[in-house]
Protein backbone atom coordinates (compact mmCIF):
# COMPACT_ATOMS: atom_id res chain seq x y z
CA MET A 1 0.11 -0.23 -0.33
CA VAL A 2 3.14 2.83 0.87
CA ASN A 3 4.64 1.40 -2.35
CA GLN A 4 1.28 2.38 -4.26
CA ALA A 5 0.60 5.60 -2.29
CA CYS A 6 4.70 7.18 -3.11
CA LYS A 7 3.88 6.24 -7.31
CA ASP A 8 0.19 7.73 -7.51
CA ALA A 9 1.88 10.57 -5.35
CA TYR A 10 4.78 11.02 -7.74
CA ALA A 11 2.48 10.99 -10.84
CA TRP A 12 -0.01 13.06 -9.33
CA GLN A 13 3.48 15.62 -8.94
CA ALA A 14 4.61 15.70 -12.19
CA VAL A 15 0.95 16.66 -13.54
CA ALA A 16 0.73 19.62 -10.62
CA ASP A 17 3.96 20.37 -10.89
CA ARG A 18 4.34 21.22 -6.96
CA PRO A 19 5.05 18.94 -4.16
CA ILE A 20 2.36 16.99 -3.19
CA ARG A 21 2.03 15.19 0.19
CA VAL A 22 -0.04 11.68 1.12
CA GLY A 23 -1.25 9.97 3.58
CA VAL A 24 -1.40 6.28 4.07
CA ASN A 25 -3.45 4.54 7.04
CA LEU A 26 -2.06 2.22 8.43
CA SER A 27 -3.19 -0.08 11.28
CA ALA A 28 -1.76 -0.23 15.09
CA ARG A 29 -0.38 -3.63 13.71
CA GLN A 30 0.86 -2.28 11.27
CA PHE A 31 2.54 1.06 13.11
CA ARG A 32 4.43 -1.80 15.40
CA GLU A 33 6.23 -3.94 13.57
CA ASP A 34 9.93 -3.59 13.12
CA SER A 35 10.17 -2.77 9.66
CA LEU A 36 8.03 -0.41 8.56
CA HIS A 37 11.01 2.14 8.78
CA ASP A 38 12.47 -0.19 5.68
CA VAL A 39 9.10 -0.11 4.44
CA ILE A 40 8.35 3.36 3.64
CA SER A 41 11.98 3.86 2.81
CA GLU A 42 12.50 1.49 0.19
CA ALA A 43 9.17 2.85 -1.24
CA LEU A 44 10.04 6.30 -1.68
CA GLU A 45 13.42 5.29 -2.53
CA ASP A 46 12.19 3.32 -5.28
CA THR A 47 9.25 5.63 -6.35
CA GLY A 48 11.33 8.50 -6.29
């Protein structure tokens, strides 16, 4: 889900020609995952 949100934001930003903020809802379980930081970092790196 995070990866898709980043891809969408990248595409919208190209059309809007300005920075776009994106929010992603996470469950409490997802928020407690030790790998959350890595998942977000990789999604941002992969999608630019």
